[in-house]
Amino acid sequence: LSKAIVLQKTIDYIQFLHKEKKKQEEEVSTLRKDV
């Protein structure tokens, strides 16, 4: 893999992790309301 592809895939993966983190935070907030 070229360095450009490695960097782009790394950026995409970090953005995916940010979205997953936000989704989990929303789920935690919902669970706290339920509790």
All heavy atoms as atom14 arrays in JSON, in Angstrom:
{
  "sequence": "LSKAIVLQKTIDYIQFLHKEKKKQEEEVSTLRKDV",
  "atom14_mask": [
    [1, 1, 1, 1, 1, 1, 1, 1, 0, 0, 0, 0, 0, 0],
    [1, 1, 1, 1, 1, 1, 0, 0, 0, 0, 0, 0, 0, 0],
    [1, 1, 1, 1, 1, 1, 1, 1, 1, 0, 0, 0, 0, 0],
    [1, 1, 1, 1, 1, 0, 0, 0, 0, 0, 0, 0, 0, 0],
    [1, 1, 1, 1, 1, 1, 1, 1, 0, 0, 0, 0, 0, 0],
    [1, 1, 1, 1, 1, 1, 1, 0, 0, 0, 0, 0, 0, 0],
    [1, 1, 1, 1, 1, 1, 1, 1, 0, 0, 0, 0, 0, 0],
    [1, 1, 1, 1, 1, 1, 1, 1, 1, 0, 0, 0, 0, 0],
    [1, 1, 1, 1, 1, 1, 1, 1, 1, 0, 0, 0, 0, 0],
    [1, 1, 1, 1, 1, 1, 1, 0, 0, 0, 0, 0, 0, 0],
    [1, 1, 1, 1, 1, 1, 1, 1, 0, 0, 0, 0, 0, 0],
    [1, 1, 1, 1, 1, 1, 1, 1, 0, 0, 0, 0, 0, 0],
    [1, 1, 1, 1, 1, 1, 1, 1, 1, 1, 1, 1, 0, 0],
    [1, 1, 1, 1, 1, 1, 1, 1, 0, 0, 0, 0, 0, 0],
    [1, 1, 1, 1, 1, 1, 1, 1, 1, 0, 0, 0, 0, 0],
    [1, 1, 1, 1, 1, 1, 1, 1, 1, 1, 1, 0, 0, 0],
    [1, 1, 1, 1, 1, 1, 1, 1, 0, 0, 0, 0, 0, 0],
    [1, 1, 1, 1, 1, 1, 1, 1, 1, 1, 0, 0, 0, 0],
    [1, 1, 1, 1, 1, 1, 1, 1, 1, 0, 0, 0, 0, 0],
    [1, 1, 1, 1, 1, 1, 1, 1, 1, 0, 0, 0, 0, 0],
    [1, 1, 1, 1, 1, 1, 1, 1, 1, 0, 0, 0, 0, 0],
    [1, 1, 1, 1, 1, 1, 1, 1, 1, 0, 0, 0, 0, 0],
    [1, 1, 1, 1, 1, 1, 1, 1, 1, 0, 0, 0, 0, 0],
    [1, 1, 1, 1, 1, 1, 1, 1, 1, 0, 0, 0, 0, 0],
    [1, 1, 1, 1, 1, 1, 1, 1, 1, 0, 0, 0, 0, 0],
    [1, 1, 1, 1, 1, 1, 1, 1, 1, 0, 0, 0, 0, 0],
    [1, 1, 1, 1, 1, 1, 1, 1, 1, 0, 0, 0, 0, 0],
    [1, 1, 1, 1, 1, 1, 1, 0, 0, 0, 0, 0, 0, 0],
    [1, 1, 1, 1, 1, 1, 0, 0, 0, 0, 0, 0, 0, 0],
    [1, 1, 1, 1, 1, 1, 1, 0, 0, 0, 0, 0, 0, 0],
    [1, 1, 1, 1, 1, 1, 1, 1, 0, 0, 0, 0, 0, 0],
    [1, 1, 1, 1, 1, 1, 1, 1, 1, 1, 1, 0, 0, 0],
    [1, 1, 1, 1, 1, 1, 1, 1, 1, 0, 0, 0, 0, 0],
    [1, 1, 1, 1, 1, 1, 1, 1, 0, 0, 0, 0, 0, 0],
    [1, 1, 1, 1, 1, 1, 1, 0, 0, 0, 0, 0, 0, 0]
  ],
  "atom14_positions": [
    [[0.84, -1.2, 0.0], [0.0, 0.0, 0.0], [0.88, 1.25, 0.0], [1.87, 1.33, 0.72], [-0.92, 0.0, 1.22], [-2.01, -1.07, 1.28], [-2.77, -0.97, 2.59], [-2.96, -0.92, 0.12], [0.0, 0.0, 0.0], [0.0, 0.0, 0.0], [0.0, 0.0, 0.0], [0.0, 0.0, 0.0], [0.0, 0.0, 0.0], [0.0, 0.0, 0.0]],
    [[0.46, 2.23, -0.77], [1.21, 3.48, -0.8], [0.95, 4.27, 0.48], [-0.03, 4.03, 1.2], [0.8, 4.31, -2.02], [-0.56, 4.71, -1.91], [0.0, 0.0, 0.0], [0.0, 0.0, 0.0], [0.0, 0.0, 0.0], [0.0, 0.0, 0.0], [0.0, 0.0, 0.0], [0.0, 0.0, 0.0], [0.0, 0.0, 0.0], [0.0, 0.0, 0.0]],
    [[1.81, 5.23, 0.74], [1.66, 6.05, 1.95], [0.37, 6.87, 1.9], [-0.29, 7.07, 2.92], [2.87, 6.97, 2.11], [4.17, 6.23, 2.37], [5.34, 7.19, 2.51], [6.62, 6.44, 2.8], [7.78, 7.35, 2.93], [0.0, 0.0, 0.0], [0.0, 0.0, 0.0], [0.0, 0.0, 0.0], [0.0, 0.0, 0.0], [0.0, 0.0, 0.0]],
    [[0.0, 7.34, 0.71], [-1.23, 8.13, 0.58], [-2.45, 7.29, 0.93], [-3.37, 7.75, 1.63], [-1.35, 8.66, -0.85], [0.0, 0.0, 0.0], [0.0, 0.0, 0.0], [0.0, 0.0, 0.0], [0.0, 0.0, 0.0], [0.0, 0.0, 0.0], [0.0, 0.0, 0.0], [0.0, 0.0, 0.0], [0.0, 0.0, 0.0], [0.0, 0.0, 0.0]],
    [[-2.48, 6.02, 0.49], [-3.62, 5.14, 0.8], [-3.66, 4.84, 2.29], [-4.74, 4.82, 2.91], [-3.51, 3.84, -0.02], [-3.68, 4.15, -1.51], [-4.56, 2.83, 0.43], [-3.54, 2.95, -2.41], [0.0, 0.0, 0.0], [0.0, 0.0, 0.0], [0.0, 0.0, 0.0], [0.0, 0.0, 0.0], [0.0, 0.0, 0.0], [0.0, 0.0, 0.0]],
    [[-2.49, 4.59, 2.89], [-2.45, 4.32, 4.33], [-2.99, 5.49, 5.12], [-3.79, 5.34, 6.06], [-1.01, 3.98, 4.77], [-0.92, 3.88, 6.29], [-0.56, 2.67, 4.14], [0.0, 0.0, 0.0], [0.0, 0.0, 0.0], [0.0, 0.0, 0.0], [0.0, 0.0, 0.0], [0.0, 0.0, 0.0], [0.0, 0.0, 0.0], [0.0, 0.0, 0.0]],
    [[-2.58, 6.72, 4.75], [-3.06, 7.91, 5.45], [-4.57, 8.1, 5.27], [-5.29, 8.41, 6.22], [-2.31, 9.14, 4.95], [-0.85, 9.29, 5.38], [-0.24, 10.53, 4.76], [-0.73, 9.36, 6.89], [0.0, 0.0, 0.0], [0.0, 0.0, 0.0], [0.0, 0.0, 0.0], [0.0, 0.0, 0.0], [0.0, 0.0, 0.0], [0.0, 0.0, 0.0]],
    [[-5.08, 7.9, 4.05], [-6.51, 8.08, 3.79], [-7.33, 7.05, 4.56], [-8.37, 7.38, 5.16], [-6.79, 7.95, 2.29], [-8.23, 8.25, 1.92], [-8.63, 9.66, 2.32], [-7.94, 10.62, 2.02], [-9.76, 9.79, 3.0], [0.0, 0.0, 0.0], [0.0, 0.0, 0.0], [0.0, 0.0, 0.0], [0.0, 0.0, 0.0], [0.0, 0.0, 0.0]],
    [[-6.88, 5.81, 4.58], [-7.6, 4.77, 5.33], [-7.55, 5.06, 6.83], [-8.51, 4.79, 7.55], [-7.0, 3.39, 5.02], [-7.34, 2.87, 3.64], [-6.77, 1.48, 3.41], [-7.2, 0.92, 2.06], [-8.64, 0.65, 2.02], [0.0, 0.0, 0.0], [0.0, 0.0, 0.0], [0.0, 0.0, 0.0], [0.0, 0.0, 0.0], [0.0, 0.0, 0.0]],
    [[-6.45, 5.6, 7.29], [-6.34, 5.96, 8.71], [-7.32, 7.08, 9.06], [-8.0, 7.04, 10.09], [-4.91, 6.41, 9.04], [-4.0, 5.36, 8.7], [-4.76, 6.72, 10.52], [0.0, 0.0, 0.0], [0.0, 0.0, 0.0], [0.0, 0.0, 0.0], [0.0, 0.0, 0.0], [0.0, 0.0, 0.0], [0.0, 0.0, 0.0], [0.0, 0.0, 0.0]],
    [[-7.42, 8.09, 8.18], [-8.37, 9.19, 8.4], [-9.8, 8.67, 8.43], [-10.61, 9.04, 9.29], [-8.19, 10.27, 7.32], [-6.83, 10.96, 7.48], [-9.31, 11.3, 7.38], [-6.47, 11.89, 6.34], [0.0, 0.0, 0.0], [0.0, 0.0, 0.0], [0.0, 0.0, 0.0], [0.0, 0.0, 0.0], [0.0, 0.0, 0.0], [0.0, 0.0, 0.0]],
    [[-10.13, 7.8, 7.46], [-11.49, 7.24, 7.41], [-11.8, 6.44, 8.67], [-12.91, 6.51, 9.21], [-11.63, 6.34, 6.18], [-11.52, 7.13, 4.88], [-11.72, 8.35, 4.92], [-11.22, 6.51, 3.84], [0.0, 0.0, 0.0], [0.0, 0.0, 0.0], [0.0, 0.0, 0.0], [0.0, 0.0, 0.0], [0.0, 0.0, 0.0], [0.0, 0.0, 0.0]],
    [[-10.81, 5.7, 9.16], [-11.03, 4.88, 10.35], [-11.22, 5.75, 11.6], [-12.06, 5.47, 12.45], [-9.85, 3.93, 10.54], [-10.02, 2.96, 11.68], [-11.05, 2.02, 11.67], [-9.15, 2.98, 12.78], [-11.2, 1.12, 12.7], [-9.3, 2.08, 13.8], [-10.33, 1.16, 13.77], [-10.49, 0.28, 14.81], [0.0, 0.0, 0.0], [0.0, 0.0, 0.0]],
    [[-10.46, 6.84, 11.7], [-10.61, 7.76, 12.83], [-11.99, 8.42, 12.8], [-12.64, 8.57, 13.85], [-9.48, 8.81, 12.81], [-8.13, 8.16, 13.11], [-9.76, 9.92, 13.82], [-6.96, 9.1, 12.97], [0.0, 0.0, 0.0], [0.0, 0.0, 0.0], [0.0, 0.0, 0.0], [0.0, 0.0, 0.0], [0.0, 0.0, 0.0], [0.0, 0.0, 0.0]],
    [[-12.44, 8.83, 11.62], [-13.78, 9.41, 11.51], [-14.85, 8.39, 11.9], [-15.84, 8.73, 12.57], [-14.01, 9.9, 10.08], [-13.16, 11.11, 9.7], [-13.33, 11.52, 8.26], [-13.9, 10.78, 7.44], [-12.84, 12.7, 7.9], [0.0, 0.0, 0.0], [0.0, 0.0, 0.0], [0.0, 0.0, 0.0], [0.0, 0.0, 0.0], [0.0, 0.0, 0.0]],
    [[-14.67, 7.15, 11.51], [-15.61, 6.09, 11.9], [-15.64, 5.92, 13.42], [-16.7, 5.77, 14.02], [-15.21, 4.78, 11.22], [-15.89, 3.58, 11.77], [-17.22, 3.3, 11.45], [-15.22, 2.7, 12.61], [-17.85, 2.18, 11.96], [-15.85, 1.59, 13.12], [-17.17, 1.33, 12.81], [0.0, 0.0, 0.0], [0.0, 0.0, 0.0], [0.0, 0.0, 0.0]],
    [[-14.46, 5.97, 14.05], [-14.4, 5.83, 15.51], [-15.1, 7.01, 16.2], [-15.76, 6.82, 17.23], [-12.94, 5.74, 15.96], [-12.2, 4.46, 15.57], [-10.75, 4.52, 16.06], [-12.88, 3.22, 16.14], [0.0, 0.0, 0.0], [0.0, 0.0, 0.0], [0.0, 0.0, 0.0], [0.0, 0.0, 0.0], [0.0, 0.0, 0.0], [0.0, 0.0, 0.0]],
    [[-14.95, 8.21, 15.64], [-15.63, 9.38, 16.22], [-17.14, 9.21, 16.15], [-17.86, 9.53, 17.12], [-15.2, 10.65, 15.47], [-13.89, 11.22, 15.95], [-13.69, 11.65, 17.24], [-12.72, 11.42, 15.3], [-12.45, 12.11, 17.37], [-11.84, 11.96, 16.21], [0.0, 0.0, 0.0], [0.0, 0.0, 0.0], [0.0, 0.0, 0.0], [0.0, 0.0, 0.0]],
    [[-17.65, 8.71, 15.01], [-19.09, 8.49, 14.89], [-19.58, 7.44, 15.87], [-20.64, 7.58, 16.49], [-19.42, 8.08, 13.45], [-19.23, 9.18, 12.43], [-19.59, 8.71, 11.04], [-19.39, 9.81, 10.01], [-19.7, 9.35, 8.62], [0.0, 0.0, 0.0], [0.0, 0.0, 0.0], [0.0, 0.0, 0.0], [0.0, 0.0, 0.0], [0.0, 0.0, 0.0]],
    [[-18.8, 6.37, 16.02], [-19.17, 5.32, 16.96], [-19.17, 5.84, 18.4], [-20.04, 5.49, 19.2], [-18.19, 4.14, 16.83], [-18.37, 3.32, 15.58], [-19.72, 2.62, 15.53], [-20.1, 2.03, 16.55], [-20.4, 2.69, 14.49], [0.0, 0.0, 0.0], [0.0, 0.0, 0.0], [0.0, 0.0, 0.0], [0.0, 0.0, 0.0], [0.0, 0.0, 0.0]],
    [[-18.2, 6.69, 18.71], [-18.14, 7.26, 20.05], [-19.35, 8.13, 20.33], [-19.96, 8.06, 21.41], [-16.86, 8.08, 20.2], [-16.7, 8.73, 21.58], [-15.46, 9.6, 21.64], [-15.36, 10.29, 22.98], [-14.19, 11.21, 23.05], [0.0, 0.0, 0.0], [0.0, 0.0, 0.0], [0.0, 0.0, 0.0], [0.0, 0.0, 0.0], [0.0, 0.0, 0.0]],
    [[-19.74, 8.96, 19.34], [-20.92, 9.81, 19.51], [-22.17, 8.97, 19.67], [-23.05, 9.27, 20.51], [-21.05, 10.74, 18.29], [-22.18, 11.74, 18.42], [-22.22, 12.67, 17.22], [-23.36, 13.69, 17.36], [-23.41, 14.61, 16.19], [0.0, 0.0, 0.0], [0.0, 0.0, 0.0], [0.0, 0.0, 0.0], [0.0, 0.0, 0.0], [0.0, 0.0, 0.0]],
    [[-22.28, 7.89, 18.9], [-23.44, 7.01, 19.0], [-23.51, 6.36, 20.37], [-24.58, 6.27, 20.99], [-23.35, 5.94, 17.91], [-24.53, 4.99, 17.88], [-24.37, 3.99, 16.75], [-25.52, 3.0, 16.75], [-25.37, 1.99, 15.66], [0.0, 0.0, 0.0], [0.0, 0.0, 0.0], [0.0, 0.0, 0.0], [0.0, 0.0, 0.0], [0.0, 0.0, 0.0]],
    [[-22.37, 5.92, 20.89], [-22.34, 5.3, 22.21], [-22.68, 6.31, 23.3], [-23.36, 5.97, 24.27], [-20.96, 4.69, 22.46], [-20.67, 3.47, 21.6], [-19.29, 2.91, 21.83], [-18.5, 3.47, 22.61], [-18.96, 1.82, 21.17], [0.0, 0.0, 0.0], [0.0, 0.0, 0.0], [0.0, 0.0, 0.0], [0.0, 0.0, 0.0], [0.0, 0.0, 0.0]],
    [[-22.21, 7.55, 23.14], [-22.55, 8.58, 24.13], [-24.06, 8.84, 24.15], [-24.64, 9.04, 25.23], [-21.79, 9.87, 23.81], [-20.29, 9.78, 24.09], [-19.56, 11.04, 23.66], [-20.2, 11.89, 22.98], [-18.37, 11.18, 24.0], [0.0, 0.0, 0.0], [0.0, 0.0, 0.0], [0.0, 0.0, 0.0], [0.0, 0.0, 0.0], [0.0, 0.0, 0.0]],
    [[-24.7, 8.84, 22.97], [-26.15, 9.03, 22.93], [-26.87, 7.85, 23.58], [-27.87, 8.04, 24.29], [-26.6, 9.17, 21.47], [-26.12, 10.47, 20.82], [-26.49, 10.55, 19.35], [-27.01, 9.53, 18.82], [-26.28, 11.6, 18.73], [0.0, 0.0, 0.0], [0.0, 0.0, 0.0], [0.0, 0.0, 0.0], [0.0, 0.0, 0.0], [0.0, 0.0, 0.0]],
    [[-26.38, 6.63, 23.36], [-26.99, 5.46, 23.98], [-26.83, 5.51, 25.5], [-27.76, 5.17, 26.25], [-26.35, 4.19, 23.43], [-26.68, 3.92, 21.96], [-25.98, 2.69, 21.44], [-25.16, 2.11, 22.19], [-26.25, 2.29, 20.29], [0.0, 0.0, 0.0], [0.0, 0.0, 0.0], [0.0, 0.0, 0.0], [0.0, 0.0, 0.0], [0.0, 0.0, 0.0]],
    [[-25.66, 5.96, 25.96], [-25.44, 6.08, 27.41], [-26.4, 7.11, 28.01], [-26.96, 6.91, 29.09], [-23.97, 6.46, 27.69], [-23.78, 6.85, 29.15], [-23.04, 5.31, 27.35], [0.0, 0.0, 0.0], [0.0, 0.0, 0.0], [0.0, 0.0, 0.0], [0.0, 0.0, 0.0], [0.0, 0.0, 0.0], [0.0, 0.0, 0.0], [0.0, 0.0, 0.0]],
    [[-26.6, 8.24, 27.3], [-27.52, 9.26, 27.78], [-28.94, 8.71, 27.87], [-29.66, 8.97, 28.85], [-27.47, 10.47, 26.85], [-28.38, 11.47, 27.26], [0.0, 0.0, 0.0], [0.0, 0.0, 0.0], [0.0, 0.0, 0.0], [0.0, 0.0, 0.0], [0.0, 0.0, 0.0], [0.0, 0.0, 0.0], [0.0, 0.0, 0.0], [0.0, 0.0, 0.0]],
    [[-29.35, 7.94, 26.86], [-30.69, 7.34, 26.88], [-30.84, 6.37, 28.03], [-31.86, 6.34, 28.74], [-30.97, 6.63, 25.55], [-30.85, 7.57, 24.48], [-32.37, 6.03, 25.53], [0.0, 0.0, 0.0], [0.0, 0.0, 0.0], [0.0, 0.0, 0.0], [0.0, 0.0, 0.0], [0.0, 0.0, 0.0], [0.0, 0.0, 0.0], [0.0, 0.0, 0.0]],
    [[-29.81, 5.56, 28.26], [-29.86, 4.6, 29.37], [-29.91, 5.3, 30.72], [-30.59, 4.83, 31.64], [-28.64, 3.67, 29.29], [-28.61, 2.69, 28.11], [-27.29, 1.94, 28.07], [-29.77, 1.71, 28.2], [0.0, 0.0, 0.0], [0.0, 0.0, 0.0], [0.0, 0.0, 0.0], [0.0, 0.0, 0.0], [0.0, 0.0, 0.0], [0.0, 0.0, 0.0]],
    [[-29.22, 6.42, 30.83], [-29.26, 7.16, 32.1], [-30.68, 7.7, 32.35], [-31.15, 7.67, 33.5], [-28.26, 8.31, 32.05], [-26.81, 7.86, 32.2], [-25.85, 9.03, 32.07], [-24.48, 8.59, 32.27], [-23.42, 9.39, 32.08], [-23.6, 10.66, 31.7], [-22.19, 8.92, 32.27], [0.0, 0.0, 0.0], [0.0, 0.0, 0.0], [0.0, 0.0, 0.0]],
    [[-31.34, 8.17, 31.29], [-32.72, 8.63, 31.45], [-33.63, 7.48, 31.87], [-34.51, 7.65, 32.72], [-33.21, 9.26, 30.15], [-32.53, 10.57, 29.79], [-33.06, 11.12, 28.48], [-32.37, 12.43, 28.12], [-32.86, 12.98, 26.82], [0.0, 0.0, 0.0], [0.0, 0.0, 0.0], [0.0, 0.0, 0.0], [0.0, 0.0, 0.0], [0.0, 0.0, 0.0]],
    [[-33.42, 6.32, 31.26], [-34.23, 5.15, 31.62], [-34.0, 4.76, 33.08], [-34.94, 4.41, 33.8], [-33.89, 3.98, 30.71], [-34.31, 4.22, 29.27], [-35.16, 5.11, 29.06], [-33.81, 3.53, 28.36], [0.0, 0.0, 0.0], [0.0, 0.0, 0.0], [0.0, 0.0, 0.0], [0.0, 0.0, 0.0], [0.0, 0.0, 0.0], [0.0, 0.0, 0.0]],
    [[-32.75, 4.82, 33.51], [-32.44, 4.48, 34.91], [-33.12, 5.47, 35.85], [-33.68, 5.07, 36.89], [-30.91, 4.48, 35.12], [-30.58, 4.39, 36.6], [-30.27, 3.31, 34.37], [0.0, 0.0, 0.0], [0.0, 0.0, 0.0], [0.0, 0.0, 0.0], [0.0, 0.0, 0.0], [0.0, 0.0, 0.0], [0.0, 0.0, 0.0], [0.0, 0.0, 0.0]]
  ]
}
